[in-house]
Amino acid sequence: MLRGRLFRHRLPRLRRAPSVLPSLYDIHPAAATALRHPRGLQIVPIERIVGTTRHPSQNTDDFLPLPGLRGRNWQGRWQRIQRATNDLSVLPAVELVQVGEQFYVADGHNRVAAAREAGAVAVDADVTELVIPGVARAEELPAEHDDAAILLLGADELRQAAAGRQSRTAEHRPVVDELRREQLTSPDERAAEAE
């Protein structure tokens, strides 16, 4: 009996195998031949970045490389990216491919992983939109998905924080609420409230 207990303690603890980040081409096979429209630099919410353009995927669901691909070169690069993120340095924009409302990383997996780890809400990205039959294009989405003003306000506040003008965390909600109130009220109503 004692022997069985000792043996159990010597077994390595089994860890949950990391999930593999979904590949664009597994989700949308027609992406390989889809029309591409460059959309330029945009601010993209982190939660809308859902996968990779690598096929097969070489990343875990946290956007880091698979454990077997994390060599010394990668570790040095990862430390530099984390240091730059902690110092609020401006990093190059990531390259994303947009399909409908979702984005897939073409270049910048480590920068997306570092931004997520730091609690960022959005990243600067050079976006290319794919037109895939049966998937609604970004400009066809309903108006409630128009978050451009919200994202631009948040990005300015984060850039000001990077320049040392504000704390690292910025509160976006009051500014957004004020913008929406201005959009929903007429100039006469706003003048009456000001009195």
N, C-alpha and C. Protein backbone atom coordinates (compact mmCIF):
# COMPACT_ATOMS: atom_id res chain seq x y z
N MET A 1 0.82 -1.19 0.00
CA MET A 1 0.00 0.00 0.00
C MET A 1 0.86 1.25 0.00
N LEU A 2 1.90 1.27 0.82
CA LEU A 2 2.80 2.41 0.86
C LEU A 2 3.49 2.58 -0.49
N ARG A 3 3.81 1.50 -1.11
CA ARG A 3 4.46 1.54 -2.41
C ARG A 3 3.57 2.21 -3.47
N GLY A 4 2.28 1.94 -3.45
CA GLY A 4 1.34 2.55 -4.39
C GLY A 4 1.24 4.06 -4.19
N ARG A 5 1.28 4.51 -2.94
CA ARG A 5 1.23 5.94 -2.66
C ARG A 5 2.48 6.65 -3.18
N LEU A 6 3.63 6.04 -2.97
CA LEU A 6 4.88 6.65 -3.44
C LEU A 6 4.88 6.74 -4.96
N PHE A 7 4.39 5.71 -5.61
CA PHE A 7 4.37 5.70 -7.07
C PHE A 7 3.49 6.81 -7.62
N ARG A 8 2.33 7.04 -6.98
CA ARG A 8 1.43 8.08 -7.45
C ARG A 8 2.06 9.47 -7.33
N HIS A 9 2.86 9.69 -6.30
CA HIS A 9 3.50 10.99 -6.13
C HIS A 9 4.59 11.23 -7.17
N ARG A 10 5.14 10.19 -7.73
CA ARG A 10 6.20 10.34 -8.73
C ARG A 10 5.67 10.61 -10.13
N LEU A 11 4.40 10.38 -10.34
CA LEU A 11 3.83 10.64 -11.66
C LEU A 11 3.80 12.15 -11.92
N PRO A 12 4.17 12.57 -13.11
CA PRO A 12 4.09 14.01 -13.41
C PRO A 12 2.63 14.44 -13.45
N ARG A 13 2.39 15.64 -13.00
CA ARG A 13 1.02 16.17 -13.04
C ARG A 13 0.65 16.45 -14.49
N LEU A 14 -0.50 15.98 -14.85
CA LEU A 14 -0.97 16.20 -16.22
C LEU A 14 -1.58 17.58 -16.33
N ARG A 15 -1.15 18.33 -17.30
CA ARG A 15 -1.68 19.67 -17.54
C ARG A 15 -2.66 19.62 -18.70
N ARG A 16 -3.55 20.60 -18.68
CA ARG A 16 -4.49 20.71 -19.79
C ARG A 16 -3.70 21.13 -21.03
N ALA A 17 -3.88 20.39 -22.08
CA ALA A 17 -3.21 20.74 -23.33
C ALA A 17 -3.78 22.07 -23.83
N PRO A 18 -2.91 23.00 -24.26
CA PRO A 18 -3.43 24.29 -24.73
C PRO A 18 -4.28 24.10 -25.99
N SER A 19 -5.33 24.89 -26.08
CA SER A 19 -6.18 24.85 -27.27
C SER A 19 -5.45 25.55 -28.41
N VAL A 20 -5.64 25.07 -29.60
CA VAL A 20 -5.01 25.66 -30.77
C VAL A 20 -5.90 26.79 -31.28
N LEU A 21 -5.28 27.92 -31.62
CA LEU A 21 -5.99 29.08 -32.14
C LEU A 21 -6.62 28.71 -33.48
N PRO A 22 -7.89 29.03 -33.71
CA PRO A 22 -8.54 28.67 -34.98
C PRO A 22 -7.87 29.35 -36.17
N SER A 23 -7.81 28.64 -37.27
CA SER A 23 -7.26 29.17 -38.51
C SER A 23 -8.41 29.68 -39.39
N LEU A 24 -8.19 30.83 -40.00
CA LEU A 24 -9.17 31.43 -40.92
C LEU A 24 -9.59 30.42 -41.98
N TYR A 25 -8.63 29.67 -42.51
CA TYR A 25 -8.90 28.78 -43.64
C TYR A 25 -9.65 27.51 -43.22
N ASP A 26 -9.62 27.18 -41.93
CA ASP A 26 -10.46 26.08 -41.44
C ASP A 26 -11.90 26.54 -41.27
N ILE A 27 -12.08 27.79 -40.82
CA ILE A 27 -13.42 28.33 -40.59
C ILE A 27 -14.08 28.75 -41.90
N HIS A 28 -13.30 29.41 -42.78
CA HIS A 28 -13.80 29.90 -44.06
C HIS A 28 -12.90 29.39 -45.18
N PRO A 29 -13.14 28.18 -45.69
CA PRO A 29 -12.29 27.64 -46.75
C PRO A 29 -12.23 28.52 -48.00
N ALA A 30 -13.27 29.30 -48.26
CA ALA A 30 -13.29 30.17 -49.44
C ALA A 30 -12.38 31.39 -49.28
N ALA A 31 -11.76 31.58 -48.12
CA ALA A 31 -10.91 32.75 -47.88
C ALA A 31 -9.69 32.76 -48.80
N ALA A 32 -9.23 31.60 -49.23
CA ALA A 32 -8.04 31.54 -50.08
C ALA A 32 -8.26 32.24 -51.42
N THR A 33 -9.49 32.25 -51.91
CA THR A 33 -9.76 32.87 -53.21
C THR A 33 -10.65 34.11 -53.10
N ALA A 34 -10.87 34.59 -51.87
CA ALA A 34 -11.77 35.73 -51.66
C ALA A 34 -11.13 37.03 -52.14
N LEU A 35 -11.99 37.99 -52.53
CA LEU A 35 -11.51 39.32 -52.89
C LEU A 35 -10.97 40.01 -51.64
N ARG A 36 -9.89 40.77 -51.83
CA ARG A 36 -9.26 41.48 -50.71
C ARG A 36 -9.38 42.98 -50.92
N HIS A 37 -9.80 43.67 -49.86
CA HIS A 37 -9.91 45.13 -49.90
C HIS A 37 -9.09 45.70 -48.75
N PRO A 38 -8.01 46.43 -49.06
CA PRO A 38 -7.25 47.07 -47.97
C PRO A 38 -8.10 48.15 -47.30
N ARG A 39 -8.16 48.13 -45.98
CA ARG A 39 -8.94 49.11 -45.22
C ARG A 39 -8.05 50.08 -44.45
N GLY A 40 -6.74 49.86 -44.45
CA GLY A 40 -5.81 50.78 -43.82
C GLY A 40 -5.74 50.61 -42.31
N LEU A 41 -5.14 51.62 -41.66
CA LEU A 41 -4.96 51.58 -40.22
C LEU A 41 -6.29 51.81 -39.51
N GLN A 42 -6.57 50.94 -38.55
CA GLN A 42 -7.80 51.03 -37.75
C GLN A 42 -7.47 50.65 -36.32
N ILE A 43 -8.37 50.99 -35.43
CA ILE A 43 -8.26 50.55 -34.05
C ILE A 43 -9.27 49.43 -33.88
N VAL A 44 -8.79 48.24 -33.51
CA VAL A 44 -9.62 47.04 -33.48
C VAL A 44 -9.75 46.54 -32.05
N PRO A 45 -10.98 46.30 -31.58
CA PRO A 45 -11.16 45.74 -30.23
C PRO A 45 -10.54 44.36 -30.13
N ILE A 46 -9.85 44.11 -29.03
CA ILE A 46 -9.18 42.82 -28.81
C ILE A 46 -10.16 41.66 -28.90
N GLU A 47 -11.37 41.82 -28.34
CA GLU A 47 -12.29 40.68 -28.31
C GLU A 47 -12.77 40.27 -29.69
N ARG A 48 -12.57 41.12 -30.70
CA ARG A 48 -13.00 40.76 -32.06
C ARG A 48 -11.89 40.07 -32.85
N ILE A 49 -10.71 39.92 -32.24
CA ILE A 49 -9.62 39.17 -32.88
C ILE A 49 -9.75 37.73 -32.42
N VAL A 50 -10.11 36.85 -33.35
CA VAL A 50 -10.54 35.50 -32.96
C VAL A 50 -9.66 34.36 -33.48
N GLY A 51 -8.70 34.66 -34.36
CA GLY A 51 -7.93 33.56 -34.93
C GLY A 51 -6.70 34.03 -35.67
N THR A 52 -6.15 33.13 -36.47
CA THR A 52 -4.93 33.37 -37.21
C THR A 52 -5.13 33.05 -38.69
N THR A 53 -4.28 33.63 -39.53
CA THR A 53 -4.32 33.28 -40.95
C THR A 53 -3.35 32.14 -41.25
N ARG A 54 -2.59 31.71 -40.27
CA ARG A 54 -1.68 30.58 -40.48
C ARG A 54 -2.48 29.29 -40.65
N HIS A 55 -2.03 28.48 -41.60
CA HIS A 55 -2.70 27.21 -41.83
C HIS A 55 -1.66 26.13 -42.07
N PRO A 56 -1.50 25.19 -41.19
CA PRO A 56 -2.24 25.01 -39.95
C PRO A 56 -1.77 26.02 -38.90
N SER A 57 -2.61 26.22 -37.90
CA SER A 57 -2.32 27.18 -36.85
C SER A 57 -1.09 26.74 -36.06
N GLN A 58 -0.24 27.70 -35.74
CA GLN A 58 0.97 27.42 -34.95
C GLN A 58 0.91 28.11 -33.60
N ASN A 59 -0.30 28.54 -33.21
CA ASN A 59 -0.46 29.31 -31.98
C ASN A 59 -1.51 28.69 -31.08
N THR A 60 -1.37 28.94 -29.77
CA THR A 60 -2.37 28.52 -28.81
C THR A 60 -3.46 29.59 -28.76
N ASP A 61 -4.54 29.31 -28.04
CA ASP A 61 -5.66 30.25 -28.01
C ASP A 61 -5.34 31.57 -27.31
N ASP A 62 -4.16 31.68 -26.70
CA ASP A 62 -3.73 32.96 -26.12
C ASP A 62 -2.81 33.71 -27.08
N PHE A 63 -2.74 33.28 -28.35
CA PHE A 63 -1.99 33.89 -29.45
C PHE A 63 -0.48 33.67 -29.35
N LEU A 64 -0.01 32.94 -28.35
CA LEU A 64 1.41 32.62 -28.24
C LEU A 64 1.71 31.39 -29.10
N PRO A 65 2.99 31.20 -29.48
CA PRO A 65 3.32 30.00 -30.27
C PRO A 65 3.05 28.72 -29.49
N LEU A 66 2.84 27.64 -30.21
CA LEU A 66 2.70 26.34 -29.55
C LEU A 66 3.94 26.11 -28.68
N PRO A 67 3.80 25.42 -27.54
CA PRO A 67 4.93 25.27 -26.62
C PRO A 67 6.21 24.75 -27.27
N GLY A 68 6.12 23.87 -28.23
CA GLY A 68 7.30 23.34 -28.90
C GLY A 68 8.03 24.35 -29.77
N LEU A 69 7.38 25.47 -30.07
CA LEU A 69 7.96 26.50 -30.94
C LEU A 69 8.50 27.69 -30.16
N ARG A 70 8.50 27.62 -28.84
CA ARG A 70 8.96 28.73 -28.00
C ARG A 70 10.43 28.55 -27.64
N GLY A 71 11.29 28.87 -28.59
CA GLY A 71 12.73 28.74 -28.38
C GLY A 71 13.34 29.98 -27.75
N ARG A 72 14.67 30.00 -27.68
CA ARG A 72 15.37 31.12 -27.06
C ARG A 72 15.17 32.41 -27.84
N ASN A 73 15.15 32.34 -29.16
CA ASN A 73 14.91 33.52 -29.98
C ASN A 73 13.54 34.12 -29.66
N TRP A 74 12.51 33.28 -29.60
CA TRP A 74 11.18 33.75 -29.28
C TRP A 74 11.13 34.34 -27.88
N GLN A 75 11.79 33.70 -26.91
CA GLN A 75 11.76 34.19 -25.52
C GLN A 75 12.35 35.60 -25.43
N GLY A 76 13.44 35.86 -26.15
CA GLY A 76 14.03 37.19 -26.16
C GLY A 76 13.09 38.21 -26.78
N ARG A 77 12.46 37.85 -27.89
CA ARG A 77 11.51 38.74 -28.55
C ARG A 77 10.30 39.00 -27.65
N TRP A 78 9.80 37.96 -26.98
CA TRP A 78 8.65 38.09 -26.09
C TRP A 78 8.98 39.04 -24.92
N GLN A 79 10.17 38.92 -24.37
CA GLN A 79 10.57 39.81 -23.28
C GLN A 79 10.65 41.26 -23.74
N ARG A 80 11.16 41.50 -24.96
CA ARG A 80 11.23 42.87 -25.49
C ARG A 80 9.83 43.45 -25.71
N ILE A 81 8.91 42.63 -26.23
CA ILE A 81 7.54 43.09 -26.45
C ILE A 81 6.86 43.39 -25.12
N GLN A 82 7.03 42.52 -24.13
CA GLN A 82 6.43 42.76 -22.82
C GLN A 82 7.00 44.02 -22.17
N ARG A 83 8.29 44.23 -22.29
CA ARG A 83 8.93 45.42 -21.72
C ARG A 83 8.37 46.68 -22.41
N ALA A 84 8.25 46.64 -23.72
CA ALA A 84 7.70 47.79 -24.46
C ALA A 84 6.24 48.03 -24.08
N THR A 85 5.47 46.97 -23.89
CA THR A 85 4.08 47.10 -23.49
C THR A 85 3.99 47.70 -22.08
N ASN A 86 4.81 47.23 -21.17
CA ASN A 86 4.80 47.76 -19.80
C ASN A 86 5.24 49.21 -19.76
N ASP A 87 6.14 49.62 -20.66
CA ASP A 87 6.60 51.01 -20.73
C ASP A 87 5.65 51.90 -21.53
N LEU A 88 4.55 51.31 -22.02
CA LEU A 88 3.56 52.00 -22.86
C LEU A 88 4.19 52.58 -24.12
N SER A 89 5.18 51.87 -24.66
CA SER A 89 5.79 52.28 -25.92
C SER A 89 4.85 51.98 -27.07
N VAL A 90 4.97 52.75 -28.14
CA VAL A 90 4.15 52.51 -29.31
C VAL A 90 4.79 51.40 -30.12
N LEU A 91 4.04 50.32 -30.32
CA LEU A 91 4.52 49.19 -31.11
C LEU A 91 3.96 49.30 -32.52
N PRO A 92 4.62 48.67 -33.49
CA PRO A 92 4.07 48.70 -34.86
C PRO A 92 2.67 48.08 -34.90
N ALA A 93 1.85 48.54 -35.81
CA ALA A 93 0.50 48.00 -35.96
C ALA A 93 0.57 46.54 -36.36
N VAL A 94 -0.35 45.75 -35.84
CA VAL A 94 -0.44 44.35 -36.25
C VAL A 94 -1.16 44.30 -37.59
N GLU A 95 -0.99 43.23 -38.32
CA GLU A 95 -1.69 43.05 -39.60
C GLU A 95 -2.83 42.07 -39.38
N LEU A 96 -4.05 42.53 -39.68
CA LEU A 96 -5.23 41.71 -39.47
C LEU A 96 -6.01 41.54 -40.77
N VAL A 97 -6.70 40.42 -40.87
CA VAL A 97 -7.62 40.15 -41.97
C VAL A 97 -9.02 40.14 -41.37
N GLN A 98 -9.93 40.91 -41.94
CA GLN A 98 -11.29 41.03 -41.43
C GLN A 98 -12.24 40.22 -42.29
N VAL A 99 -13.07 39.42 -41.62
CA VAL A 99 -14.15 38.69 -42.27
C VAL A 99 -15.40 38.98 -41.46
N GLY A 100 -16.30 39.79 -42.03
CA GLY A 100 -17.49 40.21 -41.28
C GLY A 100 -17.07 41.05 -40.09
N GLU A 101 -17.47 40.61 -38.89
CA GLU A 101 -17.12 41.32 -37.66
C GLU A 101 -15.85 40.77 -37.01
N GLN A 102 -15.30 39.70 -37.53
CA GLN A 102 -14.18 39.04 -36.89
C GLN A 102 -12.87 39.35 -37.59
N PHE A 103 -11.79 39.30 -36.81
CA PHE A 103 -10.46 39.59 -37.32
C PHE A 103 -9.53 38.41 -37.05
N TYR A 104 -8.60 38.19 -37.98
CA TYR A 104 -7.63 37.10 -37.88
C TYR A 104 -6.23 37.71 -38.04
N VAL A 105 -5.29 37.26 -37.22
CA VAL A 105 -3.94 37.83 -37.22
C VAL A 105 -3.12 37.26 -38.37
N ALA A 106 -2.61 38.17 -39.21
CA ALA A 106 -1.68 37.76 -40.27
C ALA A 106 -0.24 37.95 -39.78
N ASP A 107 0.02 39.04 -39.06
CA ASP A 107 1.34 39.32 -38.49
C ASP A 107 1.14 40.08 -37.19
N GLY A 108 1.82 39.63 -36.13
CA GLY A 108 1.73 40.32 -34.85
C GLY A 108 1.09 39.49 -33.76
N HIS A 109 1.16 38.18 -33.85
CA HIS A 109 0.57 37.30 -32.85
C HIS A 109 1.10 37.63 -31.45
N ASN A 110 2.42 37.84 -31.32
CA ASN A 110 3.00 38.13 -30.00
C ASN A 110 2.53 39.48 -29.48
N ARG A 111 2.37 40.47 -30.36
CA ARG A 111 1.89 41.79 -29.93
C ARG A 111 0.44 41.71 -29.45
N VAL A 112 -0.38 40.89 -30.12
CA VAL A 112 -1.76 40.70 -29.67
C VAL A 112 -1.76 39.99 -28.32
N ALA A 113 -0.92 38.96 -28.16
CA ALA A 113 -0.83 38.24 -26.88
C ALA A 113 -0.41 39.17 -25.75
N ALA A 114 0.57 40.03 -26.01
CA ALA A 114 1.04 40.97 -24.98
C ALA A 114 -0.04 41.99 -24.64
N ALA A 115 -0.76 42.47 -25.64
CA ALA A 115 -1.84 43.43 -25.40
C ALA A 115 -2.94 42.79 -24.55
N ARG A 116 -3.30 41.55 -24.86
CA ARG A 116 -4.31 40.85 -24.07
C ARG A 116 -3.84 40.65 -22.64
N GLU A 117 -2.59 40.25 -22.48
CA GLU A 117 -2.03 40.03 -21.15
C GLU A 117 -2.01 41.31 -20.33
N ALA A 118 -1.77 42.45 -20.99
CA ALA A 118 -1.71 43.74 -20.30
C ALA A 118 -3.10 44.31 -20.04
N GLY A 119 -4.14 43.68 -20.56
CA GLY A 119 -5.50 44.16 -20.34
C GLY A 119 -5.93 45.25 -21.31
N ALA A 120 -5.27 45.35 -22.46
CA ALA A 120 -5.65 46.36 -23.45
C ALA A 120 -7.04 46.05 -24.01
N VAL A 121 -7.75 47.09 -24.42
CA VAL A 121 -9.08 46.89 -24.99
C VAL A 121 -9.05 46.89 -26.51
N ALA A 122 -7.99 47.44 -27.12
CA ALA A 122 -7.92 47.52 -28.57
C ALA A 122 -6.45 47.61 -29.00
N VAL A 123 -6.20 47.31 -30.27
CA VAL A 123 -4.86 47.43 -30.85
C VAL A 123 -4.94 48.21 -32.16
N ASP A 124 -3.83 48.86 -32.52
CA ASP A 124 -3.72 49.48 -33.83
C ASP A 124 -3.44 48.37 -34.83
N ALA A 125 -4.14 48.41 -35.97
CA ALA A 125 -3.99 47.33 -36.94
C ALA A 125 -4.10 47.85 -38.36
N ASP A 126 -3.31 47.25 -39.25
CA ASP A 126 -3.45 47.46 -40.68
C ASP A 126 -4.38 46.36 -41.17
N VAL A 127 -5.58 46.74 -41.59
CA VAL A 127 -6.65 45.77 -41.85
C VAL A 127 -6.86 45.57 -43.34
N THR A 128 -7.03 44.30 -43.72
CA THR A 128 -7.45 43.92 -45.06
C THR A 128 -8.74 43.14 -44.92
N GLU A 129 -9.79 43.57 -45.61
CA GLU A 129 -11.08 42.89 -45.52
C GLU A 129 -11.19 41.85 -46.63
N LEU A 130 -11.69 40.68 -46.27
CA LEU A 130 -11.97 39.63 -47.26
C LEU A 130 -13.46 39.62 -47.53
N VAL A 131 -13.81 39.51 -48.81
CA VAL A 131 -15.22 39.40 -49.21
C VAL A 131 -15.50 37.93 -49.50
N ILE A 132 -16.23 37.30 -48.58
CA ILE A 132 -16.54 35.88 -48.69
C ILE A 132 -18.05 35.74 -48.89
N PRO A 133 -18.47 35.01 -49.92
CA PRO A 133 -19.90 34.83 -50.15
C PRO A 133 -20.59 34.25 -48.92
N GLY A 134 -21.74 34.86 -48.56
CA GLY A 134 -22.50 34.39 -47.42
C GLY A 134 -22.12 35.02 -46.09
N VAL A 135 -21.07 35.85 -46.06
CA VAL A 135 -20.65 36.53 -44.84
C VAL A 135 -20.89 38.02 -45.04
N ALA A 136 -21.63 38.63 -44.12
CA ALA A 136 -21.94 40.07 -44.24
C ALA A 136 -20.65 40.88 -44.14
N ARG A 137 -20.50 41.85 -45.05
CA ARG A 137 -19.33 42.73 -45.01
C ARG A 137 -19.47 43.74 -43.90
N ALA A 138 -18.36 44.32 -43.49
CA ALA A 138 -18.35 45.26 -42.38
C ALA A 138 -19.27 46.45 -42.64
N GLU A 139 -19.32 46.97 -43.87
CA GLU A 139 -20.17 48.13 -44.14
C GLU A 139 -21.64 47.75 -44.23
N GLU A 140 -21.95 46.46 -44.27
CA GLU A 140 -23.34 46.01 -44.30
C GLU A 140 -23.89 45.74 -42.91
N LEU A 141 -23.04 45.84 -41.88
CA LEU A 141 -23.46 45.54 -40.53
C LEU A 141 -24.39 46.63 -40.02
N PRO A 142 -25.30 46.29 -39.10
CA PRO A 142 -26.22 47.28 -38.55
C PRO A 142 -25.49 48.40 -37.82
N ALA A 143 -26.17 49.52 -37.62
CA ALA A 143 -25.58 50.72 -37.02
C ALA A 143 -25.10 50.49 -35.60
N GLU A 144 -25.69 49.56 -34.84
CA GLU A 144 -25.24 49.38 -33.46
C GLU A 144 -23.81 48.84 -33.38
N HIS A 145 -23.25 48.40 -34.50
CA HIS A 145 -21.88 47.93 -34.51
C HIS A 145 -20.90 49.05 -34.83
N ASP A 146 -21.36 50.27 -34.99
CA ASP A 146 -20.49 51.39 -35.33
C ASP A 146 -19.83 51.93 -34.07
N ASP A 147 -18.68 51.35 -33.73
CA ASP A 147 -17.96 51.74 -32.52
C ASP A 147 -16.77 52.61 -32.82
N ALA A 148 -16.66 53.18 -34.01
CA ALA A 148 -15.47 53.93 -34.39
C ALA A 148 -15.21 55.09 -33.45
N ALA A 149 -16.23 55.85 -33.09
CA ALA A 149 -16.03 57.00 -32.20
C ALA A 149 -15.56 56.54 -30.83
N ILE A 150 -16.12 55.45 -30.33
CA ILE A 150 -15.73 54.93 -29.03
C ILE A 150 -14.27 54.51 -29.07
N LEU A 151 -13.90 53.77 -30.11
CA LEU A 151 -12.53 53.27 -30.20
C LEU A 151 -11.53 54.39 -30.35
N LEU A 152 -11.84 55.40 -31.14
CA LEU A 152 -10.91 56.50 -31.31
C LEU A 152 -10.71 57.26 -30.01
N LEU A 153 -11.78 57.46 -29.24
CA LEU A 153 -11.64 58.13 -27.96
C LEU A 153 -10.75 57.32 -27.03
N GLY A 154 -10.97 56.04 -26.97
CA GLY A 154 -10.15 55.20 -26.10
C GLY A 154 -8.69 55.21 -26.52
N ALA A 155 -8.43 55.18 -27.82
CA ALA A 155 -7.05 55.16 -28.30
C ALA A 155 -6.34 56.46 -27.95
N ASP A 156 -7.02 57.60 -28.09
CA ASP A 156 -6.40 58.88 -27.73
C ASP A 156 -6.04 58.90 -26.26
N GLU A 157 -6.94 58.40 -25.41
CA GLU A 157 -6.66 58.39 -23.98
C GLU A 157 -5.48 57.48 -23.66
N LEU A 158 -5.39 56.34 -24.34
CA LEU A 158 -4.27 55.45 -24.09
C LEU A 158 -2.97 56.06 -24.60
N ARG A 159 -3.02 56.77 -25.73
CA ARG A 159 -1.81 57.43 -26.23
C ARG A 159 -1.37 58.54 -25.27
N GLN A 160 -2.33 59.26 -24.69
CA GLN A 160 -1.97 60.28 -23.71
C GLN A 160 -1.35 59.64 -22.48
N ALA A 161 -1.87 58.48 -22.09
CA ALA A 161 -1.28 57.77 -20.96
C ALA A 161 0.15 57.36 -21.28
N ALA A 162 0.39 56.94 -22.52
CA ALA A 162 1.73 56.56 -22.92
C ALA A 162 2.68 57.74 -22.85
N ALA A 163 2.18 58.93 -23.10
CA ALA A 163 3.01 60.13 -23.03
C ALA A 163 3.13 60.65 -21.61
N GLY A 164 2.54 59.95 -20.62
CA GLY A 164 2.67 60.32 -19.23
C GLY A 164 1.68 61.36 -18.77
N ARG A 165 0.65 61.65 -19.56
CA ARG A 165 -0.31 62.69 -19.20
C ARG A 165 -1.47 62.15 -18.37
N GLN A 166 -1.65 60.84 -18.35
CA GLN A 166 -2.71 60.25 -17.54
C GLN A 166 -2.19 58.95 -16.96
N SER A 167 -3.00 58.35 -16.10
CA SER A 167 -2.60 57.06 -15.54
C SER A 167 -2.69 56.01 -16.63
N ARG A 168 -2.15 54.83 -16.34
CA ARG A 168 -2.14 53.76 -17.34
C ARG A 168 -3.54 53.30 -17.71
N THR A 169 -4.44 53.30 -16.76
CA THR A 169 -5.81 52.89 -17.07
C THR A 169 -6.65 54.13 -17.31
N ALA A 170 -7.42 54.11 -18.36
CA ALA A 170 -8.26 55.26 -18.71
C ALA A 170 -9.72 54.84 -18.65
N GLU A 171 -10.56 55.67 -18.12
CA GLU A 171 -11.99 55.41 -18.05
C GLU A 171 -12.64 56.01 -19.29
N HIS A 172 -13.29 55.18 -20.09
CA HIS A 172 -13.87 55.62 -21.35
C HIS A 172 -15.35 55.93 -21.24
N ARG A 173 -16.04 55.32 -20.33
CA ARG A 173 -17.49 55.36 -20.29
C ARG A 173 -18.07 56.78 -20.23
N PRO A 174 -17.62 57.70 -19.35
CA PRO A 174 -18.26 59.03 -19.30
C PRO A 174 -18.17 59.77 -20.63
N VAL A 175 -17.07 59.66 -21.32
CA VAL A 175 -16.92 60.35 -22.60
C VAL A 175 -17.88 59.76 -23.62
N VAL A 176 -17.98 58.44 -23.66
CA VAL A 176 -18.87 57.77 -24.60
C VAL A 176 -20.32 58.13 -24.28
N ASP A 177 -20.70 58.10 -23.00
CA ASP A 177 -22.06 58.46 -22.62
C ASP A 177 -22.38 59.89 -23.03
N GLU A 178 -21.44 60.82 -22.87
CA GLU A 178 -21.65 62.21 -23.25
C GLU A 178 -21.86 62.32 -24.77
N LEU A 179 -21.06 61.59 -25.55
CA LEU A 179 -21.23 61.62 -27.00
C LEU A 179 -22.60 61.11 -27.41
N ARG A 180 -23.01 60.00 -26.83
CA ARG A 180 -24.32 59.44 -27.17
C ARG A 180 -25.44 60.39 -26.77
N ARG A 181 -25.32 61.05 -25.61
CA ARG A 181 -26.33 62.00 -25.17
C ARG A 181 -26.43 63.15 -26.15
N GLU A 182 -25.26 63.63 -26.64
CA GLU A 182 -25.27 64.72 -27.60
C GLU A 182 -25.92 64.30 -28.92
N GLN A 183 -25.70 63.04 -29.32
CA GLN A 183 -26.28 62.56 -30.56
C GLN A 183 -27.79 62.40 -30.44
N LEU A 184 -28.29 62.10 -29.24
CA LEU A 184 -29.71 61.82 -29.06
C LEU A 184 -30.53 63.05 -28.71
N THR A 185 -29.87 64.14 -28.31
CA THR A 185 -30.62 65.34 -27.95
C THR A 185 -30.41 66.42 -28.99
N SER A 186 -31.42 67.26 -29.13
CA SER A 186 -31.33 68.36 -30.09
C SER A 186 -30.54 69.50 -29.47
N PRO A 187 -30.04 70.44 -30.29
CA PRO A 187 -29.30 71.59 -29.75
C PRO A 187 -30.15 72.41 -28.78
N ASP A 188 -31.47 72.52 -29.03
CA ASP A 188 -32.35 73.28 -28.14
C ASP A 188 -32.44 72.62 -26.76
N GLU A 189 -32.54 71.27 -26.74
CA GLU A 189 -32.60 70.55 -25.48
C GLU A 189 -31.31 70.70 -24.69
N ARG A 190 -30.16 70.65 -25.39
CA ARG A 190 -28.87 70.83 -24.72
C ARG A 190 -28.75 72.23 -24.14
N ALA A 191 -29.23 73.25 -24.87
CA ALA A 191 -29.18 74.64 -24.38
C ALA A 191 -30.05 74.78 -23.14
N ALA A 192 -31.22 74.13 -23.13
CA ALA A 192 -32.11 74.19 -21.98
C ALA A 192 -31.47 73.52 -20.76
N GLU A 193 -30.76 72.42 -20.98
CA GLU A 193 -30.07 71.73 -19.88
C GLU A 193 -28.94 72.58 -19.32
N ALA A 194 -28.27 73.34 -20.16
CA ALA A 194 -27.13 74.15 -19.72
C ALA A 194 -27.58 75.30 -18.84
N GLU A 195 -28.82 75.78 -19.01
CA GLU A 195 -29.32 76.90 -18.20
C GLU A 195 -29.66 76.47 -16.86
